[in-house]
């Protein structure tokens, strides 16, 4: 049975990313200072969720390295390929310049990153920029595959240590090259591994609802901190992931076990963050004050839910909507930007742009997940079944051949023995 809170989180994260990109590509401009953080925060949560779900899946049904990679490939690449082909159609329709051969190959091999912020190996295709995050996601899967084996626990620990070392290296390495891409993958994998370890050590700690809401309210303040000029800051998002721990543990829907995360554990760092935001002034004072109140605001929402006794209705909504949004989250992610890109070029009215884009995005997402993916899965299942049938036949043929040879070999064996 799937965790309904995790499915809902997967889906709502994609919706936030969709909302950010819709604002980003809006024909009349976009409020990036407001919405950019929504999309990035959702993406970081997506990375954490990926690490957690991989551990959950592998704990229930461990797979050898080859099978793990194959399963990840089947799940990700067919829809990615469809999204990339759609992106090239978008370039043609909007009369936008096609990428170079090098960039095209790099995009299809999933090693692209955004030109403005990264651009390490090749630049992500303009009509489907979100594919940059998949180069990181695939990097995490490859690193995880290398840990599979007898000493996985130790290998994961070493990987985590390397990911922490990679964070300062990320700031020191200013060149844009393949090595910097590898460093960046390691640095951001710290977030993925926090998600992995949340599930690994889920029975060692827990948090109650109001502590969870308070820690969740700290996140917007953390995501707006500025340790460097780089918008995508692995140090900031590693701290962000640490304060996500109570929330993700709560989303696992498991009974309390281990040490309780007390409210004071999150109140003290929140106070420090507020002081920094008010004194360093890396954002407007009004914004700093508003974001500082979020933990208490979230707790207030939780109190109102209890007061109105609507918890069961809310859980029912999360369960039903999460089942749908979670299922189509990846197909929505891989296709939405391309459709927005097309209509942002063709339509100059914001409302019409949104109304035209959304239905097509939903139809394509549905088609990728409900039509394309089942066909792909069916093909690989048939291929696996054929391989399974061929092997016994080959073994049987070999045994029959051995049996035919034995009578002729028997005299020579006796002669040698004499």
Protein backbone atom coordinates (compact mmCIF):
# COMPACT_ATOMS: atom_id res chain seq x y z
CA UNK A 1 0.00 0.00 0.00
CA UNK A 2 1.38 3.42 -0.96
CA UNK A 3 1.87 6.13 1.65
CA UNK A 4 -0.90 8.61 0.87
CA UNK A 5 0.94 11.60 2.35
CA UNK A 6 4.02 10.85 0.25
CA UNK A 7 1.92 10.48 -2.90
CA UNK A 8 0.21 13.77 -2.16
CA UNK A 9 3.57 15.44 -1.53
CA UNK A 10 4.93 14.10 -4.82
CA UNK A 11 1.92 15.46 -6.68
CA UNK A 12 1.67 18.83 -4.94
CA UNK A 13 5.42 19.41 -5.49
CA UNK A 14 4.87 19.01 -9.22
CA UNK A 15 1.90 21.37 -9.09
CA UNK A 16 4.08 24.02 -7.42
CA UNK A 17 6.72 23.56 -10.12
CA UNK A 18 4.03 23.86 -12.78
CA UNK A 19 2.79 27.06 -11.14
CA UNK A 20 6.29 28.53 -11.04
CA UNK A 21 6.93 27.76 -14.71
CA UNK A 22 3.54 29.10 -15.72
CA UNK A 23 4.46 32.40 -14.03
CA UNK A 24 8.00 32.28 -15.46
CA UNK A 25 6.77 31.94 -19.06
CA UNK A 26 3.78 34.25 -18.73
CA UNK A 27 3.60 36.54 -21.80
CA UNK A 28 3.46 39.76 -19.75
CA UNK A 29 6.32 38.95 -17.41
CA UNK A 30 6.55 37.01 -14.18
CA UNK A 31 6.88 37.65 -10.44
CA UNK A 32 10.06 35.59 -10.10
CA UNK A 33 10.94 36.91 -6.65
CA UNK A 34 7.70 35.43 -5.36
CA UNK A 35 7.32 32.21 -7.33
CA UNK A 36 10.89 31.11 -8.08
CA UNK A 37 11.36 29.83 -4.56
CA UNK A 38 8.13 27.83 -4.69
CA UNK A 39 9.37 25.77 -7.62
CA UNK A 40 12.87 25.28 -6.25
CA UNK A 41 11.65 24.35 -2.77
CA UNK A 42 9.32 21.81 -4.37
CA UNK A 43 12.21 20.40 -6.41
CA UNK A 44 14.41 19.96 -3.33
CA UNK A 45 11.55 18.17 -1.60
CA UNK A 46 11.25 16.03 -4.73
CA UNK A 47 14.93 15.06 -4.41
CA UNK A 48 14.40 14.13 -0.76
CA UNK A 49 11.27 12.19 -1.59
CA UNK A 50 13.15 10.29 -4.27
CA UNK A 51 15.80 9.16 -1.77
CA UNK A 52 13.17 8.16 0.76
CA UNK A 53 11.04 6.22 -1.74
CA UNK A 54 14.07 4.41 -3.19
CA UNK A 55 14.96 3.18 0.30
CA UNK A 56 11.34 2.24 1.01
CA UNK A 57 11.14 0.29 -2.25
CA UNK A 58 14.53 -1.40 -1.91
CA UNK A 59 13.87 -2.35 1.73
CA UNK A 60 10.70 -4.17 0.73
CA UNK A 61 12.14 -5.80 -2.39
CA UNK A 62 15.95 -5.53 -2.77
CA UNK A 63 17.22 -5.71 -6.33
CA UNK A 64 20.63 -6.52 -7.73
CA UNK A 65 22.48 -3.65 -9.37
CA UNK A 66 21.56 -4.55 -12.93
CA UNK A 67 17.86 -4.93 -12.18
CA UNK A 68 17.78 -1.66 -10.22
CA UNK A 69 19.28 0.27 -13.14
CA UNK A 70 16.95 -1.44 -15.60
CA UNK A 71 13.88 -0.61 -13.53
CA UNK A 72 14.94 3.04 -13.19
CA UNK A 73 15.58 3.22 -16.93
CA UNK A 74 12.15 1.79 -17.77
CA UNK A 75 10.46 4.19 -15.38
CA UNK A 76 12.28 7.35 -16.46
CA UNK A 77 13.63 7.19 -20.00
CA UNK A 78 10.61 6.34 -22.23
CA UNK A 79 8.63 9.34 -20.95
CA UNK A 80 11.77 11.46 -20.95
CA UNK A 81 12.30 10.55 -24.61
CA UNK A 82 8.71 11.51 -25.41
CA UNK A 83 9.20 14.81 -23.57
CA UNK A 84 12.40 15.54 -25.50
CA UNK A 85 10.79 14.80 -28.87
CA UNK A 86 7.90 17.05 -27.92
CA UNK A 87 10.45 19.74 -27.00
CA UNK A 88 11.93 19.62 -30.51
CA UNK A 89 8.44 19.92 -31.98
CA UNK A 90 7.99 23.01 -29.79
CA UNK A 91 11.19 24.55 -31.18
CA UNK A 92 9.94 23.95 -34.72
CA UNK A 93 6.43 25.31 -34.06
CA UNK A 94 7.73 28.48 -32.39
CA UNK A 95 10.50 28.98 -34.95
CA UNK A 96 13.14 28.81 -32.20
CA UNK A 97 16.74 27.90 -32.99
CA UNK A 98 17.62 24.23 -32.55
CA UNK A 99 20.47 23.29 -30.18
CA UNK A 100 23.85 22.20 -31.49
CA UNK A 101 24.60 18.53 -32.18
CA UNK A 102 26.66 18.38 -28.98
CA UNK A 103 23.85 19.88 -26.89
CA UNK A 104 21.29 17.61 -28.54
CA UNK A 105 23.29 14.47 -27.76
CA UNK A 106 23.97 15.66 -24.20
CA UNK A 107 20.28 16.32 -23.62
CA UNK A 108 19.30 12.85 -24.80
CA UNK A 109 22.02 11.34 -22.58
CA UNK A 110 20.59 13.30 -19.62
CA UNK A 111 23.71 15.31 -18.71
CA UNK A 112 22.32 18.78 -19.43
CA UNK A 113 22.03 21.68 -16.99
CA UNK A 114 20.64 25.22 -17.23
CA UNK A 115 22.93 27.67 -18.98
CA UNK A 116 22.22 30.64 -16.70
CA UNK A 117 23.03 28.86 -13.44
CA UNK A 118 25.14 25.84 -14.37
CA UNK A 119 25.79 24.79 -17.97
CA UNK A 120 28.51 22.33 -17.03
CA UNK A 121 28.52 19.71 -19.79
CA UNK A 122 25.79 20.90 -22.19
CA UNK A 123 22.89 23.34 -21.94
CA UNK A 124 19.36 22.06 -21.35
CA UNK A 125 17.06 22.37 -24.33
CA UNK A 126 15.30 25.73 -24.24
CA UNK A 127 11.82 24.32 -24.75
CA UNK A 128 12.07 21.85 -21.83
CA UNK A 129 14.38 23.37 -19.22
CA UNK A 130 13.19 21.14 -16.32
CA UNK A 131 15.17 18.22 -17.79
CA UNK A 132 18.24 19.70 -16.05
CA UNK A 133 17.08 18.22 -12.73
CA UNK A 134 16.92 14.74 -14.26
CA UNK A 135 20.67 14.84 -14.87
CA UNK A 136 21.00 15.12 -11.08
CA UNK A 137 18.33 12.53 -10.38
CA UNK A 138 19.98 10.02 -12.72
CA UNK A 139 23.33 10.84 -11.09
CA UNK A 140 21.85 9.91 -7.70
CA UNK A 141 20.56 6.61 -9.08
CA UNK A 142 23.94 5.74 -10.61
CA UNK A 143 25.72 6.48 -7.34
CA UNK A 144 23.18 4.41 -5.43
CA UNK A 145 23.58 1.50 -7.85
CA UNK A 146 27.31 1.43 -7.05
CA UNK A 147 26.52 0.99 -3.35
CA UNK A 148 24.37 -2.11 -3.90
CA UNK A 149 26.09 -5.14 -2.41
CA UNK A 150 27.27 -6.65 0.85
CA UNK A 151 28.78 -3.42 2.18
CA UNK A 152 26.02 -1.05 1.12
CA UNK A 153 25.60 0.59 4.51
CA UNK A 154 29.28 1.52 4.66
CA UNK A 155 29.31 2.65 1.01
CA UNK A 156 26.32 4.93 1.64
CA UNK A 157 28.07 6.47 4.63
CA UNK A 158 31.19 7.21 2.57
CA UNK A 159 29.00 8.68 -0.17
CA UNK A 160 27.30 10.92 2.37
CA UNK A 161 30.67 12.12 3.69
CA UNK A 162 31.81 12.84 0.11
CA UNK A 163 28.59 14.76 -0.54
CA UNK A 164 29.33 17.03 2.43
CA UNK A 165 32.91 17.58 1.23
CA UNK A 166 31.54 18.40 -2.24
CA UNK A 167 29.45 21.31 -0.89
CA UNK A 168 32.42 23.65 -0.24
CA UNK A 169 34.11 22.36 -3.42
CA UNK A 170 31.00 23.43 -5.32
CA UNK A 171 31.70 27.05 -4.37
CA UNK A 172 35.46 26.82 -4.97
CA UNK A 173 35.20 25.30 -8.46
CA UNK A 174 34.26 28.18 -10.75
CA UNK A 175 34.92 26.50 -14.12
CA UNK A 176 32.00 25.12 -16.07
CA UNK A 177 33.06 21.64 -17.07
CA UNK A 178 32.26 17.96 -16.55
CA UNK A 179 34.20 17.80 -13.26
CA UNK A 180 32.10 20.64 -11.86
CA UNK A 181 28.98 18.73 -12.88
CA UNK A 182 30.19 15.68 -10.94
CA UNK A 183 30.95 17.87 -7.90
CA UNK A 184 27.48 19.43 -8.16
CA UNK A 185 25.81 16.00 -8.33
CA UNK A 186 27.69 14.91 -5.20
CA UNK A 187 26.88 18.18 -3.41
CA UNK A 188 23.14 17.99 -4.10
CA UNK A 189 23.09 14.26 -3.39
CA UNK A 190 23.41 15.24 0.29
CA UNK A 191 19.73 16.25 0.07
CA UNK A 192 18.79 12.96 -1.60
CA UNK A 193 20.65 11.03 1.10
CA UNK A 194 18.89 12.88 3.90
CA UNK A 195 15.65 11.57 2.40
CA UNK A 196 17.16 8.09 2.20
CA UNK A 197 18.26 8.16 5.84
CA UNK A 198 14.89 9.44 7.07
CA UNK A 199 13.39 6.12 6.07
CA UNK A 200 16.46 4.15 7.16
CA UNK A 201 16.26 5.47 10.74
CA UNK A 202 12.50 6.08 10.91
CA UNK A 203 12.16 4.06 14.12
CA UNK A 204 14.79 6.13 15.95
CA UNK A 205 12.82 9.39 16.11
CA UNK A 206 9.40 10.92 15.61
CA UNK A 207 7.69 14.31 15.81
CA UNK A 208 4.23 15.42 16.85
CA UNK A 209 1.94 17.45 14.62
CA UNK A 210 2.67 20.95 15.93
CA UNK A 211 6.42 20.41 15.85
CA UNK A 212 6.03 19.23 12.26
CA UNK A 213 4.02 22.32 11.32
CA UNK A 214 6.53 24.62 13.01
CA UNK A 215 9.51 23.05 11.21
CA UNK A 216 7.58 23.21 7.93
CA UNK A 217 7.02 26.91 8.51
CA UNK A 218 10.77 27.51 8.84
CA UNK A 219 11.46 26.28 5.30
CA UNK A 220 10.50 29.45 3.34
CA UNK A 221 12.85 31.48 5.54
CA UNK A 222 15.72 29.03 4.95
CA UNK A 223 15.20 28.86 1.18
CA UNK A 224 15.59 32.63 0.96
CA UNK A 225 18.90 32.69 2.81
CA UNK A 226 21.90 33.73 0.70
CA UNK A 227 25.24 32.10 1.38
CA UNK A 228 26.42 32.89 -2.13
CA UNK A 229 25.39 34.62 -5.34
CA UNK A 230 24.37 31.25 -6.82
CA UNK A 231 20.61 30.72 -6.72
CA UNK A 232 21.03 26.93 -6.54
CA UNK A 233 22.99 26.63 -3.31
CA UNK A 234 23.65 23.10 -2.00
CA UNK A 235 24.56 24.34 1.49
CA UNK A 236 21.28 26.20 1.85
CA UNK A 237 19.29 23.24 0.61
CA UNK A 238 21.15 20.79 2.82
CA UNK A 239 20.07 22.92 5.82
CA UNK A 240 16.60 23.03 4.25
CA UNK A 241 16.55 19.21 4.09
CA UNK A 242 17.52 18.89 7.77
CA UNK A 243 14.47 20.94 8.79
CA UNK A 244 12.30 18.79 6.49
CA UNK A 245 13.09 15.71 8.59
CA UNK A 246 10.15 16.00 11.05
CA UNK A 247 7.73 16.59 8.18
CA UNK A 248 8.89 13.61 6.12
CA UNK A 249 8.90 11.35 9.20
CA UNK A 250 5.31 12.43 9.87
CA UNK A 251 4.35 11.72 6.24
CA UNK A 252 5.41 8.09 6.68
CA UNK A 253 2.28 7.60 8.83
CA UNK A 254 4.10 5.36 11.28
CA UNK A 255 3.42 5.14 15.03
CA UNK A 256 5.73 7.06 17.42
CA UNK A 257 9.01 5.26 18.01
CA UNK A 258 12.38 6.29 19.37
CA UNK A 259 13.35 9.79 20.51
CA UNK A 260 10.82 12.59 20.28
CA UNK A 261 11.85 15.74 18.39
CA UNK A 262 10.82 18.43 20.85
CA UNK A 263 9.48 21.82 19.87
CA UNK A 264 12.47 23.57 21.45
CA UNK A 265 14.75 21.83 18.93
CA UNK A 266 13.19 23.86 16.10
CA UNK A 267 12.31 27.05 18.00
CA UNK A 268 15.96 27.86 18.83
CA UNK A 269 17.32 27.62 15.25
CA UNK A 270 14.25 29.45 13.95
CA UNK A 271 15.05 32.34 16.31
CA UNK A 272 18.62 32.38 14.98
CA UNK A 273 17.39 32.42 11.37
CA UNK A 274 15.03 35.30 12.15
CA UNK A 275 17.83 37.34 13.73
CA UNK A 276 20.04 36.73 10.68
CA UNK A 277 17.23 37.68 8.28
CA UNK A 278 16.53 40.91 10.18
CA UNK A 279 20.19 41.96 10.53
CA UNK A 280 21.93 40.78 7.35
CA UNK A 281 19.02 42.06 5.25
CA UNK A 282 19.48 39.85 2.19
CA UNK A 283 15.76 40.36 1.53
CA UNK A 284 13.34 43.24 2.17
CA UNK A 285 12.51 43.81 5.85
CA UNK A 286 8.78 43.32 5.21
CA UNK A 287 9.43 39.90 3.65
CA UNK A 288 11.71 38.86 6.52
CA UNK A 289 9.02 39.75 9.06
CA UNK A 290 6.29 37.91 7.13
CA UNK A 291 8.34 34.73 6.64
CA UNK A 292 9.37 34.78 10.29
CA UNK A 293 5.73 34.35 11.29
CA UNK A 294 5.10 31.30 9.08
CA UNK A 295 5.86 28.62 11.74
CA UNK A 296 3.25 30.13 14.08
CA UNK A 297 0.84 30.65 11.19
CA UNK A 298 1.14 26.97 10.21
CA UNK A 299 0.52 25.93 13.80
CA UNK A 300 -2.55 28.15 13.80
CA UNK A 301 -3.88 26.40 10.71
CA UNK A 302 -3.34 23.05 12.44
CA UNK A 303 -5.22 24.30 15.50
CA UNK A 304 -8.16 25.48 13.36
CA UNK A 305 -8.31 22.07 11.67
CA UNK A 306 -8.56 20.44 15.10
CA UNK A 307 -11.09 23.03 16.30
CA UNK A 308 -13.36 22.52 13.30
CA UNK A 309 -12.89 18.75 13.47
CA UNK A 310 -12.21 18.46 9.74
CA UNK A 311 -9.12 16.24 9.99
CA UNK A 312 -10.91 13.20 8.52
CA UNK A 313 -12.22 15.22 5.57
CA UNK A 314 -8.74 16.62 4.97
CA UNK A 315 -7.16 13.15 5.06
CA UNK A 316 -9.81 11.90 2.65
CA UNK A 317 -8.99 14.77 0.27
CA UNK A 318 -5.26 14.08 0.55
CA UNK A 319 -5.85 10.39 -0.09
CA UNK A 320 -7.97 10.87 -3.21
CA UNK A 321 -6.08 13.77 -4.75
CA UNK A 322 -2.71 12.29 -3.79
CA UNK A 323 -3.48 9.04 -5.58
CA UNK A 324 -4.12 10.96 -8.80
CA UNK A 325 -1.43 13.64 -8.53
CA UNK A 326 1.22 11.16 -7.39
CA UNK A 327 0.54 8.85 -10.31
CA UNK A 328 0.85 11.57 -12.95
CA UNK A 329 3.57 13.67 -11.27
CA UNK A 330 6.44 12.52 -13.48
CA UNK A 331 4.54 12.71 -16.77
CA UNK A 332 3.31 16.17 -15.77
CA UNK A 333 6.84 17.25 -14.90
CA UNK A 334 8.41 16.06 -18.12
CA UNK A 335 5.81 17.61 -20.45
CA UNK A 336 4.32 20.77 -18.88
CA UNK A 337 7.13 23.21 -19.68
CA UNK A 338 7.06 22.44 -23.40
CA UNK A 339 3.35 23.23 -23.71
CA UNK A 340 3.76 26.44 -21.70
CA UNK A 341 6.71 27.35 -23.93
CA UNK A 342 4.62 26.98 -27.09
CA UNK A 343 1.64 28.99 -25.87
CA UNK A 344 3.79 31.70 -24.29
CA UNK A 345 5.15 32.35 -27.80
CA UNK A 346 1.82 32.13 -29.60
CA UNK A 347 -0.59 33.79 -27.15
CA UNK A 348 -0.02 37.21 -25.58
CA UNK A 349 -2.99 37.27 -23.23
CA UNK A 350 -2.10 35.77 -19.82
CA UNK A 351 -5.54 34.35 -19.06
CA UNK A 352 -5.92 32.82 -22.51
CA UNK A 353 -2.37 31.47 -22.29
CA UNK A 354 -3.22 29.67 -19.04
CA UNK A 355 -6.62 28.40 -20.22
CA UNK A 356 -5.15 27.04 -23.46
CA UNK A 357 -2.11 25.43 -21.84
CA UNK A 358 -3.56 23.60 -18.86
CA UNK A 359 -6.00 21.21 -20.61
CA UNK A 360 -3.35 20.15 -23.13
CA UNK A 361 -0.77 19.64 -20.37
CA UNK A 362 -3.19 17.41 -18.49
CA UNK A 363 -4.11 15.38 -21.59
CA UNK A 364 -0.46 14.80 -22.53
CA UNK A 365 0.47 13.88 -18.94
CA UNK A 366 -2.41 11.40 -18.86
CA UNK A 367 -1.35 9.91 -22.21
CA UNK A 368 2.28 9.46 -21.17
CA UNK A 369 1.45 7.73 -17.90
CA UNK A 370 -1.71 5.81 -18.83
CA UNK A 371 -0.92 4.86 -22.45
CA UNK A 372 2.79 5.05 -23.15
CA UNK A 373 4.10 3.67 -19.86
CA UNK A 374 1.87 0.55 -19.84
CA UNK A 375 3.00 -0.24 -23.41
CA UNK A 376 6.64 0.07 -22.37
CA UNK A 377 6.11 -2.06 -19.27
CA UNK A 378 4.28 -4.70 -21.31
CA UNK A 379 7.12 -4.84 -23.83
CA UNK A 380 9.79 -5.34 -21.18
CA UNK A 381 7.69 -7.94 -19.34
CA UNK A 382 7.31 -9.95 -22.56
CA UNK A 383 11.02 -9.63 -23.22
CA UNK A 384 11.84 -10.83 -19.71
CA UNK A 385 9.37 -13.72 -20.04
CA UNK A 386 10.94 -14.80 -23.35
CA UNK A 387 14.41 -14.71 -21.79
CA UNK A 388 13.13 -16.80 -18.89
CA UNK A 389 11.67 -19.37 -21.31
CA UNK A 390 14.73 -19.49 -23.55
CA UNK A 391 17.16 -20.18 -20.70
CA UNK A 392 15.51 -23.44 -19.49
CA UNK A 393 15.35 -24.65 -23.09
CA UNK A 394 19.03 -23.91 -23.57
CA UNK A 395 19.86 -25.68 -20.30
CA UNK A 396 17.77 -28.67 -21.37
CA UNK A 397 19.51 -28.84 -24.74
CA UNK A 398 22.91 -28.73 -23.05
CA UNK A 399 21.92 -31.55 -20.69
CA UNK A 400 20.69 -33.67 -23.61
CA UNK A 401 23.96 -33.06 -25.44
CA UNK A 402 25.92 -34.08 -22.35
CA UNK A 403 23.81 -37.21 -22.03
CA UNK A 404 24.57 -38.16 -25.66
CA UNK A 405 28.28 -37.73 -25.10
CA UNK A 406 28.49 -39.73 -21.88
CA UNK A 407 28.22 -43.23 -23.43
CA UNK A 408 31.09 -42.45 -25.83
CA UNK A 409 33.21 -40.92 -23.12
CA UNK A 410 32.72 -43.73 -20.59
CA UNK A 411 35.23 -46.32 -22.11
CA UNK A 412 38.01 -43.76 -22.33
CA UNK A 413 37.46 -42.89 -18.68
CA UNK A 414 37.82 -46.49 -17.68
CA UNK A 415 40.97 -46.90 -19.77
CA UNK A 416 42.50 -43.86 -18.15
CA UNK A 417 41.62 -45.22 -14.75
CA UNK A 418 43.41 -48.51 -15.51
